[in-house]
Amino acid sequence: MTAETLGNLLASVNAALNLTSSICLIAGYLYVKRKKTLHHRRAMLGAVTASSLFLVLYVLRFSLTGTHHFAGEGLAKLAYLTLLFTHMFFAVVIVPLVLSLLYLASKSRFVTHARLARWTFPIWLYVSLSGLLVYLLLYQVYGFI
């Protein structure tokens, strides 16, 4: 298996991990609204696990294949780059927020945890969904042009 083939496979796995993280985040949100805290905890640990595994595999994929050129042009390229840069910015922002939420939950500081989660949840969900969209645009929609 070539590095490029493995890199493309890892990109697909990472897209699935982003989708998994998104589903876990939404499930966790719904569980906490219904006061099902054990289910919420499990869903959020699933989101953390999927996102963490994504990060490890992304670094591996990047080390194998580097960056990829977006084949679209004009408005499509502008939209893609806007999506990509906002995704990258918020992906960096989300790491300390998630780590803070994990810390607060581990110390049973749930009031502060809930306050921070109101900001963290939409950012994390955006990162997961935009990551999936970046993959679709880069590898599926414009990957065959």
C-alpha atoms as a PDB file:
ATOM      1  CA  MET A   1       0.000   0.000   0.000  1.00  0.00           C
ATOM      2  CA  THR A   2       1.415   3.379  -1.012  1.00  0.00           C
ATOM      3  CA  ALA A   3       1.525   6.397   1.284  1.00  0.00           C
ATOM      4  CA  GLU A   4      -1.057   8.120  -0.922  1.00  0.00           C
ATOM      5  CA  THR A   5      -3.444   5.155  -0.739  1.00  0.00           C
ATOM      6  CA  LEU A   6      -3.057   4.976   3.035  1.00  0.00           C
ATOM      7  CA  GLY A   7      -3.508   8.740   3.285  1.00  0.00           C
ATOM      8  CA  ASN A   8      -6.759   8.571   1.308  1.00  0.00           C
ATOM      9  CA  LEU A   9      -7.963   5.711   3.491  1.00  0.00           C
ATOM     10  CA  LEU A  10      -7.128   7.697   6.627  1.00  0.00           C
ATOM     11  CA  ALA A  11      -9.000  10.704   5.223  1.00  0.00           C
ATOM     12  CA  SER A  12     -12.115   8.528   4.892  1.00  0.00           C
ATOM     13  CA  VAL A  13     -11.666   7.167   8.421  1.00  0.00           C
ATOM     14  CA  ASN A  14     -11.274  10.717   9.709  1.00  0.00           C
ATOM     15  CA  ALA A  15     -14.492  11.753   7.977  1.00  0.00           C
ATOM     16  CA  ALA A  16     -16.263   8.872   9.725  1.00  0.00           C
ATOM     17  CA  LEU A  17     -14.749   9.974  13.042  1.00  0.00           C
ATOM     18  CA  ASN A  18     -16.020  13.526  12.476  1.00  0.00           C
ATOM     19  CA  LEU A  19     -19.478  12.145  11.753  1.00  0.00           C
ATOM     20  CA  THR A  20     -19.285   9.954  14.870  1.00  0.00           C
ATOM     21  CA  SER A  21     -18.250  12.921  16.966  1.00  0.00           C
ATOM     22  CA  SER A  22     -21.145  14.993  15.590  1.00  0.00           C
ATOM     23  CA  ILE A  23     -23.675  12.269  16.367  1.00  0.00           C
ATOM     24  CA  CYS A  24     -22.276  11.808  19.877  1.00  0.00           C
ATOM     25  CA  LEU A  25     -22.351  15.569  20.487  1.00  0.00           C
ATOM     26  CA  ILE A  26     -25.986  15.860  19.432  1.00  0.00           C
ATOM     27  CA  ALA A  27     -26.924  12.790  21.467  1.00  0.00           C
ATOM     28  CA  GLY A  28     -25.080  14.176  24.493  1.00  0.00           C
ATOM     29  CA  TYR A  29     -26.875  17.489  24.148  1.00  0.00           C
ATOM     30  CA  LEU A  30     -30.260  15.768  23.960  1.00  0.00           C
ATOM     31  CA  TYR A  31     -29.449  13.535  26.918  1.00  0.00           C
ATOM     32  CA  VAL A  32     -28.404  16.405  29.163  1.00  0.00           C
ATOM     33  CA  LYS A  33     -31.583  18.325  28.250  1.00  0.00           C
ATOM     34  CA  ARG A  34     -33.568  15.249  29.380  1.00  0.00           C
ATOM     35  CA  LYS A  35     -31.437  15.045  32.535  1.00  0.00           C
ATOM     36  CA  LYS A  36     -30.078  11.613  31.581  1.00  0.00           C
ATOM     37  CA  THR A  37     -26.618  12.349  32.949  1.00  0.00           C
ATOM     38  CA  LEU A  38     -25.151   8.847  32.611  1.00  0.00           C
ATOM     39  CA  HIS A  39     -26.153   8.712  28.943  1.00  0.00           C
ATOM     40  CA  HIS A  40     -24.854  12.266  28.483  1.00  0.00           C
ATOM     41  CA  ARG A  41     -21.512  11.287  29.973  1.00  0.00           C
ATOM     42  CA  ARG A  42     -21.203   8.241  27.716  1.00  0.00           C
ATOM     43  CA  ALA A  43     -22.118  10.220  24.596  1.00  0.00           C
ATOM     44  CA  MET A  44     -19.654  12.977  25.417  1.00  0.00           C
ATOM     45  CA  LEU A  45     -16.868  10.491  26.117  1.00  0.00           C
ATOM     46  CA  GLY A  46     -17.676   9.016  22.708  1.00  0.00           C
ATOM     47  CA  ALA A  47     -17.307  12.479  21.161  1.00  0.00           C
ATOM     48  CA  VAL A  48     -13.997  13.037  22.966  1.00  0.00           C
ATOM     49  CA  THR A  49     -12.724   9.628  21.887  1.00  0.00           C
ATOM     50  CA  ALA A  50     -13.740  10.121  18.246  1.00  0.00           C
ATOM     51  CA  SER A  51     -12.249  13.623  18.150  1.00  0.00           C
ATOM     52  CA  SER A  52      -9.018  12.508  19.822  1.00  0.00           C
ATOM     53  CA  LEU A  53      -8.613   9.573  17.480  1.00  0.00           C
ATOM     54  CA  PHE A  54      -9.314  11.933  14.580  1.00  0.00           C
ATOM     55  CA  LEU A  55      -6.484  14.213  15.716  1.00  0.00           C
ATOM     56  CA  VAL A  56      -3.980  11.361  15.944  1.00  0.00           C
ATOM     57  CA  LEU A  57      -4.952   9.946  12.550  1.00  0.00           C
ATOM     58  CA  TYR A  58      -5.025  13.415  10.962  1.00  0.00           C
ATOM     59  CA  VAL A  59      -1.423  14.035  12.028  1.00  0.00           C
ATOM     60  CA  LEU A  60      -0.481  10.607  10.635  1.00  0.00           C
ATOM     61  CA  ARG A  61      -2.285  11.300   7.344  1.00  0.00           C
ATOM     62  CA  PHE A  62      -0.686  14.727   7.064  1.00  0.00           C
ATOM     63  CA  SER A  63       2.766  13.265   7.706  1.00  0.00           C
ATOM     64  CA  LEU A  64       2.196  10.725   4.922  1.00  0.00           C
ATOM     65  CA  THR A  65       0.649  12.915   2.229  1.00  0.00           C
ATOM     66  CA  GLY A  66       0.904  16.560   3.284  1.00  0.00           C
ATOM     67  CA  THR A  67      -1.671  19.094   2.168  1.00  0.00           C
ATOM     68  CA  HIS A  68      -4.042  18.516  -0.715  1.00  0.00           C
ATOM     69  CA  HIS A  69      -4.902  20.903  -3.512  1.00  0.00           C
ATOM     70  CA  PHE A  70      -8.562  21.868  -3.875  1.00  0.00           C
ATOM     71  CA  ALA A  71      -9.568  21.369  -7.510  1.00  0.00           C
ATOM     72  CA  GLY A  72     -12.457  23.836  -7.529  1.00  0.00           C
ATOM     73  CA  GLU A  73     -12.144  27.356  -8.890  1.00  0.00           C
ATOM     74  CA  GLY A  74     -13.700  30.776  -8.431  1.00  0.00           C
ATOM     75  CA  LEU A  75     -16.555  31.020  -5.944  1.00  0.00           C
ATOM     76  CA  ALA A  76     -16.285  27.327  -5.069  1.00  0.00           C
ATOM     77  CA  LYS A  77     -12.654  27.789  -4.063  1.00  0.00           C
ATOM     78  CA  LEU A  78     -13.464  30.900  -2.038  1.00  0.00           C
ATOM     79  CA  ALA A  79     -16.270  29.078  -0.218  1.00  0.00           C
ATOM     80  CA  TYR A  80     -14.012  26.063   0.406  1.00  0.00           C
ATOM     81  CA  LEU A  81     -11.150  28.182   1.748  1.00  0.00           C
ATOM     82  CA  THR A  82     -13.519  30.140   3.999  1.00  0.00           C
ATOM     83  CA  LEU A  83     -14.894  26.879   5.360  1.00  0.00           C
ATOM     84  CA  LEU A  84     -11.405  25.419   5.766  1.00  0.00           C
ATOM     85  CA  PHE A  85      -9.945  28.419   7.585  1.00  0.00           C
ATOM     86  CA  THR A  86     -12.901  28.798   9.955  1.00  0.00           C
ATOM     87  CA  HIS A  87     -12.721  25.044  10.601  1.00  0.00           C
ATOM     88  CA  MET A  88      -8.992  25.271  11.370  1.00  0.00           C
ATOM     89  CA  PHE A  89      -9.403  28.310  13.623  1.00  0.00           C
ATOM     90  CA  PHE A  90     -12.167  26.751  15.682  1.00  0.00           C
ATOM     91  CA  ALA A  91     -10.375  23.368  15.760  1.00  0.00           C
ATOM     92  CA  VAL A  92      -7.541  25.088  17.623  1.00  0.00           C
ATOM     93  CA  VAL A  93      -9.941  26.994  19.899  1.00  0.00           C
ATOM     94  CA  ILE A  94     -11.923  23.886  20.821  1.00  0.00           C
ATOM     95  CA  VAL A  95      -9.052  21.894  22.338  1.00  0.00           C
ATOM     96  CA  PRO A  96      -8.608  23.916  25.558  1.00  0.00           C
ATOM     97  CA  LEU A  97     -12.387  24.299  25.878  1.00  0.00           C
ATOM     98  CA  VAL A  98     -12.959  20.530  25.750  1.00  0.00           C
ATOM     99  CA  LEU A  99     -10.068  19.904  28.139  1.00  0.00           C
ATOM    100  CA  SER A 100     -11.594  22.443  30.536  1.00  0.00           C
ATOM    101  CA  LEU A 101     -14.984  20.720  30.323  1.00  0.00           C
ATOM    102  CA  LEU A 102     -13.397  17.354  31.082  1.00  0.00           C
ATOM    103  CA  TYR A 103     -11.566  18.843  34.043  1.00  0.00           C
ATOM    104  CA  LEU A 104     -14.687  20.531  35.418  1.00  0.00           C
ATOM    105  CA  ALA A 105     -16.736  17.352  35.059  1.00  0.00           C
ATOM    106  CA  SER A 106     -14.030  15.286  36.767  1.00  0.00           C
ATOM    107  CA  LYS A 107     -14.127  17.703  39.727  1.00  0.00           C
ATOM    108  CA  SER A 108     -17.967  17.635  39.802  1.00  0.00           C
ATOM    109  CA  ARG A 109     -18.113  21.381  39.087  1.00  0.00           C
ATOM    110  CA  PHE A 110     -21.228  20.961  36.990  1.00  0.00           C
ATOM    111  CA  VAL A 111     -22.585  24.517  37.193  1.00  0.00           C
ATOM    112  CA  THR A 112     -19.376  25.925  35.713  1.00  0.00           C
ATOM    113  CA  HIS A 113     -19.208  22.963  33.328  1.00  0.00           C
ATOM    114  CA  ALA A 114     -22.721  23.718  32.042  1.00  0.00           C
ATOM    115  CA  ARG A 115     -21.917  27.410  31.590  1.00  0.00           C
ATOM    116  CA  LEU A 116     -18.813  26.643  29.531  1.00  0.00           C
ATOM    117  CA  ALA A 117     -20.559  23.864  27.608  1.00  0.00           C
ATOM    118  CA  ARG A 118     -23.119  26.364  26.263  1.00  0.00           C
ATOM    119  CA  TRP A 119     -20.257  27.997  24.341  1.00  0.00           C
ATOM    120  CA  THR A 120     -18.255  24.883  23.630  1.00  0.00           C
ATOM    121  CA  PHE A 121     -21.018  22.697  22.189  1.00  0.00           C
ATOM    122  CA  PRO A 122     -21.806  24.792  19.078  1.00  0.00           C
ATOM    123  CA  ILE A 123     -18.128  25.385  18.359  1.00  0.00           C
ATOM    124  CA  TRP A 124     -17.282  21.686  18.693  1.00  0.00           C
ATOM    125  CA  LEU A 125     -20.261  20.691  16.570  1.00  0.00           C
ATOM    126  CA  TYR A 126     -19.198  23.217  13.919  1.00  0.00           C
ATOM    127  CA  VAL A 127     -15.667  21.785  13.895  1.00  0.00           C
ATOM    128  CA  SER A 128     -16.949  18.226  13.513  1.00  0.00           C
ATOM    129  CA  LEU A 129     -19.479  19.027  10.795  1.00  0.00           C
ATOM    130  CA  SER A 130     -17.234  21.424   8.900  1.00  0.00           C
ATOM    131  CA  GLY A 131     -14.459  18.810   8.986  1.00  0.00           C
ATOM    132  CA  LEU A 132     -16.833  16.353   7.360  1.00  0.00           C
ATOM    133  CA  LEU A 133     -17.809  18.944   4.766  1.00  0.00           C
ATOM    134  CA  VAL A 134     -14.145  19.747   4.031  1.00  0.00           C
ATOM    135  CA  TYR A 135     -13.536  16.041   3.406  1.00  0.00           C
ATOM    136  CA  LEU A 136     -16.565  15.755   1.118  1.00  0.00           C
ATOM    137  CA  LEU A 137     -15.555  18.791  -0.917  1.00  0.00           C
ATOM    138  CA  LEU A 138     -11.871  17.883  -1.128  1.00  0.00           C
ATOM    139  CA  TYR A 139     -12.088  14.145  -1.725  1.00  0.00           C
ATOM    140  CA  GLN A 140     -15.564  13.471  -3.104  1.00  0.00           C
ATOM    141  CA  VAL A 141     -17.155  16.463  -4.841  1.00  0.00           C
ATOM    142  CA  TYR A 142     -14.032  18.045  -6.357  1.00  0.00           C
ATOM    143  CA  GLY A 143     -11.764  15.019  -5.995  1.00  0.00           C
ATOM    144  CA  PHE A 144     -12.908  13.572  -9.308  1.00  0.00           C
ATOM    145  CA  ILE A 145     -12.450  16.697 -11.401  1.00  0.00           C
END
